């Protein structure tokens, strides 16, 4: 069964920040890593990723630099800032609260026994 893509919309920022918490990456590398780590459930397009990266950089969550990826190609790498780590922690906490509430509803509610 395919996953509704609208479910990804609210979590894309958190997933990208989490990837960059591990180590600096360039755009295509993030797309590949996200797909691989999610068993291909998440597949970002460049047209979605790069505007998000630019916004996060403007907000001070990321910095970027150019480095040579192989013998001929220079790539733009993104790095998580201290502010970005703080945002990641907030997003993860928000996600835990959200998924906990959804699971409570799906399981019949936290206080079902009181009814």
PDB file of N, CA and C in Angstrom:
ATOM      1  N   UNK A   1       0.842  -1.179   0.000  1.00  0.00           N
ATOM      2  CA  UNK A   1       0.000   0.000   0.000  1.00  0.00           C
ATOM      3  C   UNK A   1       0.890   1.247   0.000  1.00  0.00           C
ATOM      4  N   UNK A   2       0.584   2.173  -0.866  1.00  0.00           N
ATOM      5  CA  UNK A   2       1.351   3.411  -0.970  1.00  0.00           C
ATOM      6  C   UNK A   2       0.993   4.345   0.193  1.00  0.00           C
ATOM      7  N   UNK A   3       1.986   5.085   0.649  1.00  0.00           N
ATOM      8  CA  UNK A   3       1.801   6.057   1.725  1.00  0.00           C
ATOM      9  C   UNK A   3       1.356   7.384   1.112  1.00  0.00           C
ATOM     10  N   UNK A   4       0.339   7.996   1.699  1.00  0.00           N
ATOM     11  CA  UNK A   4      -0.143   9.287   1.247  1.00  0.00           C
ATOM     12  C   UNK A   4       0.980  10.315   1.422  1.00  0.00           C
ATOM     13  N   UNK A   5       1.362  10.973   0.348  1.00  0.00           N
ATOM     14  CA  UNK A   5       2.488  11.919   0.370  1.00  0.00           C
ATOM     15  C   UNK A   5       2.230  13.122   1.266  1.00  0.00           C
ATOM     16  N   UNK A   6       0.971  13.444   1.533  1.00  0.00           N
ATOM     17  CA  UNK A   6       0.691  14.590   2.401  1.00  0.00           C
ATOM     18  C   UNK A   6       1.157  14.328   3.831  1.00  0.00           C
ATOM     19  N   UNK A   7       1.311  13.056   4.202  1.00  0.00           N
ATOM     20  CA  UNK A   7       1.815  12.738   5.536  1.00  0.00           C
ATOM     21  C   UNK A   7       3.273  13.147   5.693  1.00  0.00           C
ATOM     22  N   UNK A   8       4.008  13.175   4.604  1.00  0.00           N
ATOM     23  CA  UNK A   8       5.422  13.556   4.636  1.00  0.00           C
ATOM     24  C   UNK A   8       5.606  15.062   4.797  1.00  0.00           C
ATOM     25  N   UNK A   9       4.656  15.833   4.313  1.00  0.00           N
ATOM     26  CA  UNK A   9       4.794  17.285   4.259  1.00  0.00           C
ATOM     27  C   UNK A   9       5.222  17.907   5.583  1.00  0.00           C
ATOM     28  N   UNK A  10       4.588  17.535   6.666  1.00  0.00           N
ATOM     29  CA  UNK A  10       4.901  18.140   7.951  1.00  0.00           C
ATOM     30  C   UNK A  10       6.178  17.648   8.593  1.00  0.00           C
ATOM     31  N   UNK A  11       6.751  16.577   8.079  1.00  0.00           N
ATOM     32  CA  UNK A  11       7.927  16.003   8.716  1.00  0.00           C
ATOM     33  C   UNK A  11       9.205  16.141   7.894  1.00  0.00           C
ATOM     34  N   UNK A  12       9.116  16.719   6.717  1.00  0.00           N
ATOM     35  CA  UNK A  12      10.283  16.818   5.832  1.00  0.00           C
ATOM     36  C   UNK A  12      11.437  17.573   6.486  1.00  0.00           C
ATOM     37  N   UNK A  13      11.144  18.689   7.112  1.00  0.00           N
ATOM     38  CA  UNK A  13      12.201  19.479   7.756  1.00  0.00           C
ATOM     39  C   UNK A  13      12.905  18.659   8.823  1.00  0.00           C
ATOM     40  N   UNK A  14      12.131  17.991   9.662  1.00  0.00           N
ATOM     41  CA  UNK A  14      12.720  17.175  10.725  1.00  0.00           C
ATOM     42  C   UNK A  14      13.605  16.071  10.146  1.00  0.00           C
ATOM     43  N   UNK A  15      13.158  15.424   9.094  1.00  0.00           N
ATOM     44  CA  UNK A  15      13.929  14.332   8.498  1.00  0.00           C
ATOM     45  C   UNK A  15      15.244  14.834   7.906  1.00  0.00           C
ATOM     46  N   UNK A  16      15.209  15.976   7.253  1.00  0.00           N
ATOM     47  CA  UNK A  16      16.433  16.550   6.678  1.00  0.00           C
ATOM     48  C   UNK A  16      17.398  16.963   7.782  1.00  0.00           C
ATOM     49  N   UNK A  17      16.881  17.612   8.822  1.00  0.00           N
ATOM     50  CA  UNK A  17      17.754  17.999   9.938  1.00  0.00           C
ATOM     51  C   UNK A  17      18.376  16.769  10.591  1.00  0.00           C
ATOM     52  N   UNK A  18      17.611  15.691  10.710  1.00  0.00           N
ATOM     53  CA  UNK A  18      18.130  14.461  11.316  1.00  0.00           C
ATOM     54  C   UNK A  18      19.252  13.878  10.472  1.00  0.00           C
ATOM     55  N   UNK A  19      19.096  13.873   9.162  1.00  0.00           N
ATOM     56  CA  UNK A  19      20.167  13.386   8.297  1.00  0.00           C
ATOM     57  C   UNK A  19      21.443  14.195   8.503  1.00  0.00           C
ATOM     58  N   UNK A  20      21.293  15.504   8.617  1.00  0.00           N
ATOM     59  CA  UNK A  20      22.464  16.373   8.753  1.00  0.00           C
ATOM     60  C   UNK A  20      23.048  16.347  10.158  1.00  0.00           C
ATOM     61  N   UNK A  21      22.300  15.838  11.117  1.00  0.00           N
ATOM     62  CA  UNK A  21      22.851  15.675  12.464  1.00  0.00           C
ATOM     63  C   UNK A  21      23.971  14.629  12.448  1.00  0.00           C
ATOM     64  N   UNK A  22      23.849  13.681  11.569  1.00  0.00           N
ATOM     65  CA  UNK A  22      24.818  12.590  11.481  1.00  0.00           C
ATOM     66  C   UNK A  22      26.124  13.076  10.855  1.00  0.00           C
ATOM     67  N   UNK A  23      26.014  13.706   9.681  1.00  0.00           N
ATOM     68  CA  UNK A  23      27.183  14.318   9.035  1.00  0.00           C
ATOM     69  C   UNK A  23      26.726  15.215   7.891  1.00  0.00           C
ATOM     70  N   UNK A  24      27.623  16.088   7.448  1.00  0.00           N
ATOM     71  CA  UNK A  24      27.332  16.998   6.351  1.00  0.00           C
ATOM     72  C   UNK A  24      27.030  16.192   5.086  1.00  0.00           C
ATOM     73  N   UNK A  25      26.116  16.706   4.277  1.00  0.00           N
ATOM     74  CA  UNK A  25      25.741  16.025   3.039  1.00  0.00           C
ATOM     75  C   UNK A  25      25.425  17.046   1.961  1.00  0.00           C
ATOM     76  N   UNK A  26      25.490  16.599   0.722  1.00  0.00           N
ATOM     77  CA  UNK A  26      25.019  17.411  -0.400  1.00  0.00           C
ATOM     78  C   UNK A  26      23.614  16.935  -0.765  1.00  0.00           C
ATOM     79  N   UNK A  27      22.909  17.721  -1.551  1.00  0.00           N
ATOM     80  CA  UNK A  27      21.501  17.486  -1.822  1.00  0.00           C
ATOM     81  C   UNK A  27      21.146  16.094  -2.305  1.00  0.00           C
ATOM     82  N   UNK A  28      21.778  15.649  -3.379  1.00  0.00           N
ATOM     83  CA  UNK A  28      21.447  14.330  -3.919  1.00  0.00           C
ATOM     84  C   UNK A  28      21.730  13.233  -2.899  1.00  0.00           C
ATOM     85  N   UNK A  29      22.755  13.413  -2.107  1.00  0.00           N
ATOM     86  CA  UNK A  29      23.098  12.455  -1.051  1.00  0.00           C
ATOM     87  C   UNK A  29      21.959  12.373  -0.033  1.00  0.00           C
ATOM     88  N   UNK A  30      21.363  13.527   0.305  1.00  0.00           N
ATOM     89  CA  UNK A  30      20.231  13.534   1.239  1.00  0.00           C
ATOM     90  C   UNK A  30      19.037  12.791   0.649  1.00  0.00           C
ATOM     91  N   UNK A  31      18.764  13.025  -0.622  1.00  0.00           N
ATOM     92  CA  UNK A  31      17.655  12.337  -1.289  1.00  0.00           C
ATOM     93  C   UNK A  31      17.872  10.827  -1.236  1.00  0.00           C
ATOM     94  N   UNK A  32      19.076  10.388  -1.540  1.00  0.00           N
ATOM     95  CA  UNK A  32      19.400   8.959  -1.534  1.00  0.00           C
ATOM     96  C   UNK A  32      19.351   8.368  -0.129  1.00  0.00           C
ATOM     97  N   UNK A  33      19.898   9.073   0.847  1.00  0.00           N
ATOM     98  CA  UNK A  33      19.914   8.582   2.223  1.00  0.00           C
ATOM     99  C   UNK A  33      18.505   8.481   2.801  1.00  0.00           C
ATOM    100  N   UNK A  34      17.676   9.479   2.530  1.00  0.00           N
ATOM    101  CA  UNK A  34      16.308   9.455   3.027  1.00  0.00           C
ATOM    102  C   UNK A  34      15.542   8.263   2.442  1.00  0.00           C
ATOM    103  N   UNK A  35      15.721   8.029   1.166  1.00  0.00           N
ATOM    104  CA  UNK A  35      15.059   6.885   0.530  1.00  0.00           C
ATOM    105  C   UNK A  35      15.568   5.575   1.125  1.00  0.00           C
ATOM    106  N   UNK A  36      16.873   5.449   1.254  1.00  0.00           N
ATOM    107  CA  UNK A  36      17.461   4.203   1.767  1.00  0.00           C
ATOM    108  C   UNK A  36      17.060   3.937   3.213  1.00  0.00           C
ATOM    109  N   UNK A  37      17.098   4.961   4.042  1.00  0.00           N
ATOM    110  CA  UNK A  37      16.800   4.784   5.472  1.00  0.00           C
ATOM    111  C   UNK A  37      15.319   4.563   5.744  1.00  0.00           C
ATOM    112  N   UNK A  38      14.472   4.896   4.774  1.00  0.00           N
ATOM    113  CA  UNK A  38      13.028   4.712   4.953  1.00  0.00           C
ATOM    114  C   UNK A  38      12.493   3.545   4.122  1.00  0.00           C
ATOM    115  N   UNK A  39      13.400   2.699   3.641  1.00  0.00           N
ATOM    116  CA  UNK A  39      13.007   1.577   2.793  1.00  0.00           C
ATOM    117  C   UNK A  39      12.198   2.087   1.595  1.00  0.00           C
ATOM    118  N   UNK A  40      12.615   3.217   1.070  1.00  0.00           N
ATOM    119  CA  UNK A  40      12.034   3.882  -0.103  1.00  0.00           C
ATOM    120  C   UNK A  40      10.599   4.355   0.110  1.00  0.00           C
ATOM    121  N   UNK A  41      10.218   4.547   1.367  1.00  0.00           N
ATOM    122  CA  UNK A  41       8.910   5.136   1.671  1.00  0.00           C
ATOM    123  C   UNK A  41       8.938   6.626   1.353  1.00  0.00           C
ATOM    124  N   UNK A  42      10.055   7.284   1.649  1.00  0.00           N
ATOM    125  CA  UNK A  42      10.208   8.710   1.380  1.00  0.00           C
ATOM    126  C   UNK A  42      11.106   8.899   0.172  1.00  0.00           C
ATOM    127  N   UNK A  43      10.599   9.612  -0.817  1.00  0.00           N
ATOM    128  CA  UNK A  43      11.439   9.946  -1.969  1.00  0.00           C
ATOM    129  C   UNK A  43      11.214  11.418  -2.294  1.00  0.00           C
ATOM    130  N   UNK A  44      12.171  12.220  -1.908  1.00  0.00           N
ATOM    131  CA  UNK A  44      12.095  13.659  -2.164  1.00  0.00           C
ATOM    132  C   UNK A  44      12.570  13.960  -3.575  1.00  0.00           C
ATOM    133  N   UNK A  45      11.967  14.939  -4.166  1.00  0.00           N
ATOM    134  CA  UNK A  45      12.415  15.453  -5.457  1.00  0.00           C
ATOM    135  C   UNK A  45      13.302  16.666  -5.190  1.00  0.00           C
ATOM    136  N   UNK A  46      14.220  16.924  -6.110  1.00  0.00           N
ATOM    137  CA  UNK A  46      15.119  18.070  -5.970  1.00  0.00           C
ATOM    138  C   UNK A  46      14.324  19.368  -5.848  1.00  0.00           C
ATOM    139  N   UNK A  47      13.210  19.462  -6.563  1.00  0.00           N
ATOM    140  CA  UNK A  47      12.377  20.665  -6.526  1.00  0.00           C
ATOM    141  C   UNK A  47      11.724  20.899  -5.176  1.00  0.00           C
ATOM    142  N   UNK A  48      11.659  19.878  -4.353  1.00  0.00           N
ATOM    143  CA  UNK A  48      11.151  20.009  -2.991  1.00  0.00           C
ATOM    144  C   UNK A  48      12.296  20.277  -2.020  1.00  0.00           C
ATOM    145  N   UNK A  49      13.389  19.541  -2.201  1.00  0.00           N
ATOM    146  CA  UNK A  49      14.504  19.617  -1.261  1.00  0.00           C
ATOM    147  C   UNK A  49      15.240  20.955  -1.291  1.00  0.00           C
ATOM    148  N   UNK A  50      15.632  21.426  -2.462  1.00  0.00           N
ATOM    149  CA  UNK A  50      16.495  22.601  -2.509  1.00  0.00           C
ATOM    150  C   UNK A  50      15.836  23.882  -1.986  1.00  0.00           C
ATOM    151  N   UNK A  51      14.574  24.143  -2.274  1.00  0.00           N
ATOM    152  CA  UNK A  51      13.945  25.312  -1.634  1.00  0.00           C
ATOM    153  C   UNK A  51      13.918  25.186  -0.106  1.00  0.00           C
ATOM    154  N   UNK A  52      13.693  23.969   0.392  1.00  0.00           N
ATOM    155  CA  UNK A  52      13.707  23.743   1.836  1.00  0.00           C
ATOM    156  C   UNK A  52      15.100  24.012   2.406  1.00  0.00           C
ATOM    157  N   UNK A  53      16.128  23.517   1.757  1.00  0.00           N
ATOM    158  CA  UNK A  53      17.506  23.750   2.213  1.00  0.00           C
ATOM    159  C   UNK A  53      17.834  25.245   2.227  1.00  0.00           C
ATOM    160  N   UNK A  54      17.417  25.960   1.191  1.00  0.00           N
ATOM    161  CA  UNK A  54      17.695  27.397   1.130  1.00  0.00           C
ATOM    162  C   UNK A  54      16.965  28.142   2.243  1.00  0.00           C
ATOM    163  N   UNK A  55      15.725  27.746   2.512  1.00  0.00           N
ATOM    164  CA  UNK A  55      14.965  28.380   3.598  1.00  0.00           C
ATOM    165  C   UNK A  55      15.629  28.121   4.945  1.00  0.00           C
ATOM    166  N   UNK A  56      16.011  26.873   5.179  1.00  0.00           N
ATOM    167  CA  UNK A  56      16.672  26.524   6.442  1.00  0.00           C
ATOM    168  C   UNK A  56      17.998  27.263   6.599  1.00  0.00           C
ATOM    169  N   UNK A  57      18.701  27.454   5.502  1.00  0.00           N
ATOM    170  CA  UNK A  57      19.962  28.202   5.552  1.00  0.00           C
ATOM    171  C   UNK A  57      19.695  29.675   5.872  1.00  0.00           C
ATOM    172  N   UNK A  58      18.677  30.252   5.271  1.00  0.00           N
ATOM    173  CA  UNK A  58      18.328  31.654   5.544  1.00  0.00           C
ATOM    174  C   UNK A  58      17.895  31.831   6.999  1.00  0.00           C
ATOM    175  N   UNK A  59      17.281  30.819   7.587  1.00  0.00           N
ATOM    176  CA  UNK A  59      16.843  30.880   8.981  1.00  0.00           C
ATOM    177  C   UNK A  59      17.972  30.604   9.966  1.00  0.00           C
ATOM    178  N   UNK A  60      19.154  30.254   9.458  1.00  0.00           N
ATOM    179  CA  UNK A  60      20.300  29.988  10.320  1.00  0.00           C
ATOM    180  C   UNK A  60      20.343  28.577  10.880  1.00  0.00           C
ATOM    181  N   UNK A  61      19.528  27.689  10.338  1.00  0.00           N
ATOM    182  CA  UNK A  61      19.509  26.293  10.795  1.00  0.00           C
ATOM    183  C   UNK A  61      20.627  25.479  10.157  1.00  0.00           C
ATOM    184  N   UNK A  62      21.051  25.914   8.968  1.00  0.00           N
ATOM    185  CA  UNK A  62      22.103  25.228   8.213  1.00  0.00           C
ATOM    186  C   UNK A  62      23.116  26.248   7.709  1.00  0.00           C
ATOM    187  N   UNK A  63      24.302  25.763   7.454  1.00  0.00           N
ATOM    188  CA  UNK A  63      25.285  26.521   6.685  1.00  0.00           C
ATOM    189  C   UNK A  63      25.664  25.643   5.504  1.00  0.00           C
ATOM    190  N   UNK A  64      26.267  26.238   4.500  1.00  0.00           N
ATOM    191  CA  UNK A  64      26.698  25.463   3.341  1.00  0.00           C
ATOM    192  C   UNK A  64      28.112  25.845   2.952  1.00  0.00           C
ATOM    193  N   UNK A  65      28.753  24.934   2.275  1.00  0.00           N
ATOM    194  CA  UNK A  65      30.104  25.165   1.772  1.00  0.00           C
ATOM    195  C   UNK A  65      30.317  24.262   0.568  1.00  0.00           C
ATOM    196  N   UNK A  66      31.259  24.627  -0.256  1.00  0.00           N
ATOM    197  CA  UNK A  66      31.574  23.795  -1.419  1.00  0.00           C
ATOM    198  C   UNK A  66      32.814  22.978  -1.129  1.00  0.00           C
ATOM    199  N   UNK A  67      32.784  21.741  -1.599  1.00  0.00           N
ATOM    200  CA  UNK A  67      33.920  20.850  -1.418  1.00  0.00           C
ATOM    201  C   UNK A  67      33.945  19.882  -2.591  1.00  0.00           C
ATOM    202  N   UNK A  68      35.100  19.369  -2.861  1.00  0.00           N
ATOM    203  CA  UNK A  68      35.249  18.432  -3.961  1.00  0.00           C
ATOM    204  C   UNK A  68      34.780  17.048  -3.513  1.00  0.00           C
ATOM    205  N   UNK A  69      33.780  16.515  -4.211  1.00  0.00           N
ATOM    206  CA  UNK A  69      33.204  15.216  -3.863  1.00  0.00           C
ATOM    207  C   UNK A  69      34.017  14.070  -4.443  1.00  0.00           C
ATOM    208  N   UNK A  70      34.567  14.263  -5.602  1.00  0.00           N
ATOM    209  CA  UNK A  70      35.454  13.268  -6.220  1.00  0.00           C
ATOM    210  C   UNK A  70      36.533  14.041  -6.969  1.00  0.00           C
ATOM    211  N   UNK A  71      37.213  13.401  -7.854  1.00  0.00           N
ATOM    212  CA  UNK A  71      38.357  14.051  -8.489  1.00  0.00           C
ATOM    213  C   UNK A  71      37.981  15.225  -9.389  1.00  0.00           C
ATOM    214  N   UNK A  72      36.725  15.317  -9.814  1.00  0.00           N
ATOM    215  CA  UNK A  72      36.360  16.398 -10.735  1.00  0.00           C
ATOM    216  C   UNK A  72      35.181  17.242 -10.285  1.00  0.00           C
ATOM    217  N   UNK A  73      34.344  16.736  -9.432  1.00  0.00           N
ATOM    218  CA  UNK A  73      33.080  17.401  -9.123  1.00  0.00           C
ATOM    219  C   UNK A  73      33.126  18.144  -7.787  1.00  0.00           C
ATOM    220  N   UNK A  74      32.719  19.407  -7.820  1.00  0.00           N
ATOM    221  CA  UNK A  74      32.569  20.199  -6.603  1.00  0.00           C
ATOM    222  C   UNK A  74      31.087  20.215  -6.260  1.00  0.00           C
ATOM    223  N   UNK A  75      30.785  19.928  -5.007  1.00  0.00           N
ATOM    224  CA  UNK A  75      29.389  19.875  -4.564  1.00  0.00           C
ATOM    225  C   UNK A  75      29.175  20.852  -3.406  1.00  0.00           C
ATOM    226  N   UNK A  76      27.919  21.255  -3.249  1.00  0.00           N
ATOM    227  CA  UNK A  76      27.546  22.129  -2.149  1.00  0.00           C
ATOM    228  C   UNK A  76      27.058  21.241  -1.010  1.00  0.00           C
ATOM    229  N   UNK A  77      27.790  21.295   0.098  1.00  0.00           N
ATOM    230  CA  UNK A  77      27.448  20.506   1.280  1.00  0.00           C
ATOM    231  C   UNK A  77      26.709  21.381   2.279  1.00  0.00           C
ATOM    232  N   UNK A  78      25.821  20.753   3.026  1.00  0.00           N
ATOM    233  CA  UNK A  78      25.055  21.443   4.058  1.00  0.00           C
ATOM    234  C   UNK A  78      25.435  20.880   5.417  1.00  0.00           C
ATOM    235  N   UNK A  79      25.500  21.776   6.393  1.00  0.00           N
ATOM    236  CA  UNK A  79      25.913  21.422   7.741  1.00  0.00           C
ATOM    237  C   UNK A  79      24.895  21.984   8.731  1.00  0.00           C
ATOM    238  N   UNK A  80      24.586  21.214   9.753  1.00  0.00           N
ATOM    239  CA  UNK A  80      23.637  21.627  10.785  1.00  0.00           C
ATOM    240  C   UNK A  80      24.317  22.590  11.759  1.00  0.00           C
ATOM    241  N   UNK A  81      23.654  23.690  12.072  1.00  0.00           N
ATOM    242  CA  UNK A  81      24.180  24.650  13.042  1.00  0.00           C
ATOM    243  C   UNK A  81      23.646  24.324  14.440  1.00  0.00           C
ATOM    244  N   UNK A  82      24.139  25.043  15.427  1.00  0.00           N
ATOM    245  CA  UNK A  82      23.633  24.876  16.794  1.00  0.00           C
ATOM    246  C   UNK A  82      22.136  25.195  16.841  1.00  0.00           C
ATOM    247  N   UNK A  83      21.739  26.239  16.143  1.00  0.00           N
ATOM    248  CA  UNK A  83      20.326  26.607  16.080  1.00  0.00           C
ATOM    249  C   UNK A  83      19.516  25.489  15.408  1.00  0.00           C
ATOM    250  N   UNK A  84      20.090  24.876  14.388  1.00  0.00           N
ATOM    251  CA  UNK A  84      19.433  23.767  13.700  1.00  0.00           C
ATOM    252  C   UNK A  84      19.278  22.555  14.603  1.00  0.00           C
ATOM    253  N   UNK A  85      20.280  22.298  15.449  1.00  0.00           N
ATOM    254  CA  UNK A  85      20.181  21.181  16.408  1.00  0.00           C
ATOM    255  C   UNK A  85      19.051  21.427  17.407  1.00  0.00           C
ATOM    256  N   UNK A  86      18.901  22.686  17.811  1.00  0.00           N
ATOM    257  CA  UNK A  86      17.806  23.037  18.710  1.00  0.00           C
ATOM    258  C   UNK A  86      16.454  22.834  18.042  1.00  0.00           C
ATOM    259  N   UNK A  87      16.371  23.234  16.781  1.00  0.00           N
ATOM    260  CA  UNK A  87      15.129  23.050  16.043  1.00  0.00           C
ATOM    261  C   UNK A  87      14.827  21.561  15.865  1.00  0.00           C
ATOM    262  N   UNK A  88      15.842  20.764  15.597  1.00  0.00           N
ATOM    263  CA  UNK A  88      15.655  19.319  15.461  1.00  0.00           C
ATOM    264  C   UNK A  88      15.096  18.733  16.750  1.00  0.00           C
ATOM    265  N   UNK A  89      15.645  19.135  17.882  1.00  0.00           N
ATOM    266  CA  UNK A  89      15.160  18.629  19.174  1.00  0.00           C
ATOM    267  C   UNK A  89      13.692  19.012  19.380  1.00  0.00           C
ATOM    268  N   UNK A  90      13.336  20.238  19.024  1.00  0.00           N
ATOM    269  CA  UNK A  90      11.944  20.676  19.144  1.00  0.00           C
ATOM    270  C   UNK A  90      11.027  19.875  18.229  1.00  0.00           C
ATOM    271  N   UNK A  91      11.459  19.671  16.988  1.00  0.00           N
ATOM    272  CA  UNK A  91      10.651  18.926  16.020  1.00  0.00           C
ATOM    273  C   UNK A  91      10.478  17.470  16.455  1.00  0.00           C
ATOM    274  N   UNK A  92      11.529  16.875  17.006  1.00  0.00           N
ATOM    275  CA  UNK A  92      11.432  15.485  17.463  1.00  0.00           C
ATOM    276  C   UNK A  92      10.462  15.379  18.642  1.00  0.00           C
ATOM    277  N   UNK A  93      10.510  16.332  19.560  1.00  0.00           N
ATOM    278  CA  UNK A  93       9.597  16.334  20.695  1.00  0.00           C
ATOM    279  C   UNK A  93       8.161  16.513  20.211  1.00  0.00           C
ATOM    280  N   UNK A  94       7.959  17.427  19.285  1.00  0.00           N
ATOM    281  CA  UNK A  94       6.644  17.658  18.698  1.00  0.00           C
ATOM    282  C   UNK A  94       6.133  16.376  18.017  1.00  0.00           C
ATOM    283  N   UNK A  95       7.022  15.694  17.289  1.00  0.00           N
ATOM    284  CA  UNK A  95       6.654  14.457  16.600  1.00  0.00           C
ATOM    285  C   UNK A  95       6.253  13.367  17.593  1.00  0.00           C
ATOM    286  N   UNK A  96       7.004  13.237  18.679  1.00  0.00           N
ATOM    287  CA  UNK A  96       6.665  12.231  19.700  1.00  0.00           C
ATOM    288  C   UNK A  96       5.283  12.495  20.297  1.00  0.00           C
ATOM    289  N   UNK A  97       5.001  13.748  20.603  1.00  0.00           N
ATOM    290  CA  UNK A  97       3.693  14.100  21.161  1.00  0.00           C
ATOM    291  C   UNK A  97       2.580  13.823  20.157  1.00  0.00           C
ATOM    292  N   UNK A  98       2.804  14.182  18.916  1.00  0.00           N
ATOM    293  CA  UNK A  98       1.814  13.980  17.865  1.00  0.00           C
ATOM    294  C   UNK A  98       1.536  12.493  17.645  1.00  0.00           C
ATOM    295  N   UNK A  99       2.594  11.707  17.467  1.00  0.00           N
ATOM    296  CA  UNK A  99       2.391  10.279  17.208  1.00  0.00           C
ATOM    297  C   UNK A  99       1.777   9.580  18.417  1.00  0.00           C
ATOM    298  N   UNK A 100       2.117  10.010  19.615  1.00  0.00           N
ATOM    299  CA  UNK A 100       1.528   9.440  20.818  1.00  0.00           C
ATOM    300  C   UNK A 100       0.024   9.702  20.841  1.00  0.00           C
ATOM    301  N   UNK A 101      -0.379  10.928  20.507  1.00  0.00           N
ATOM    302  CA  UNK A 101      -1.806  11.273  20.488  1.00  0.00           C
ATOM    303  C   UNK A 101      -2.545  10.489  19.411  1.00  0.00           C
ATOM    304  N   UNK A 102      -1.950  10.367  18.235  1.00  0.00           N
ATOM    305  CA  UNK A 102      -2.577   9.587  17.157  1.00  0.00           C
ATOM    306  C   UNK A 102      -2.724   8.134  17.589  1.00  0.00           C
ATOM    307  N   UNK A 103      -1.674   7.572  18.176  1.00  0.00           N
ATOM    308  CA  UNK A 103      -1.735   6.176  18.623  1.00  0.00           C
ATOM    309  C   UNK A 103      -2.788   5.976  19.710  1.00  0.00           C
ATOM    310  N   UNK A 104      -2.936   6.944  20.597  1.00  0.00           N
ATOM    311  CA  UNK A 104      -3.967   6.837  21.631  1.00  0.00           C
ATOM    312  C   UNK A 104      -5.358   6.773  21.002  1.00  0.00           C
ATOM    313  N   UNK A 105      -5.599   7.613  20.021  1.00  0.00           N
ATOM    314  CA  UNK A 105      -6.895   7.592  19.350  1.00  0.00           C
ATOM    315  C   UNK A 105      -7.103   6.277  18.617  1.00  0.00           C
ATOM    316  N   UNK A 106      -6.078   5.812  17.899  1.00  0.00           N
ATOM    317  CA  UNK A 106      -6.194   4.569  17.151  1.00  0.00           C
ATOM    318  C   UNK A 106      -6.403   3.362  18.059  1.00  0.00           C
ATOM    319  N   UNK A 107      -5.904   3.445  19.278  1.00  0.00           N
ATOM    320  CA  UNK A 107      -6.030   2.334  20.229  1.00  0.00           C
ATOM    321  C   UNK A 107      -7.241   2.477  21.137  1.00  0.00           C
ATOM    322  N   UNK A 108      -8.094   3.439  20.842  1.00  0.00           N
ATOM    323  CA  UNK A 108      -9.322   3.554  21.612  1.00  0.00           C
ATOM    324  C   UNK A 108      -9.342   4.636  22.656  1.00  0.00           C
ATOM    325  N   UNK A 109      -8.273   5.381  22.780  1.00  0.00           N
ATOM    326  CA  UNK A 109      -8.250   6.489  23.714  1.00  0.00           C
ATOM    327  C   UNK A 109      -7.539   6.133  25.013  1.00  0.00           C
ATOM    328  N   UNK A 110      -6.960   7.150  25.630  1.00  0.00           N
ATOM    329  CA  UNK A 110      -6.178   6.956  26.847  1.00  0.00           C
ATOM    330  C   UNK A 110      -7.050   6.571  28.027  1.00  0.00           C
ATOM    331  N   UNK A 111      -8.258   7.074  28.070  1.00  0.00           N
ATOM    332  CA  UNK A 111      -9.141   6.844  29.216  1.00  0.00           C
ATOM    333  C   UNK A 111     -10.348   6.004  28.840  1.00  0.00           C
ATOM    334  N   UNK A 112     -10.172   5.058  27.971  1.00  0.00           N
ATOM    335  CA  UNK A 112     -11.270   4.220  27.522  1.00  0.00           C
ATOM    336  C   UNK A 112     -11.880   3.436  28.679  1.00  0.00           C
ATOM    337  N   UNK A 113     -11.057   3.014  29.617  1.00  0.00           N
ATOM    338  CA  UNK A 113     -11.544   2.233  30.751  1.00  0.00           C
ATOM    339  C   UNK A 113     -12.479   3.050  31.649  1.00  0.00           C
ATOM    340  N   UNK A 114     -12.323   4.379  31.631  1.00  0.00           N
ATOM    341  CA  UNK A 114     -13.152   5.238  32.480  1.00  0.00           C
ATOM    342  C   UNK A 114     -14.574   5.368  31.940  1.00  0.00           C
ATOM    343  N   UNK A 115     -14.789   4.986  30.688  1.00  0.00           N
ATOM    344  CA  UNK A 115     -16.130   5.106  30.091  1.00  0.00           C
ATOM    345  C   UNK A 115     -16.958   4.000  30.553  1.00  0.00           C
TER     346      UNK A 115
END
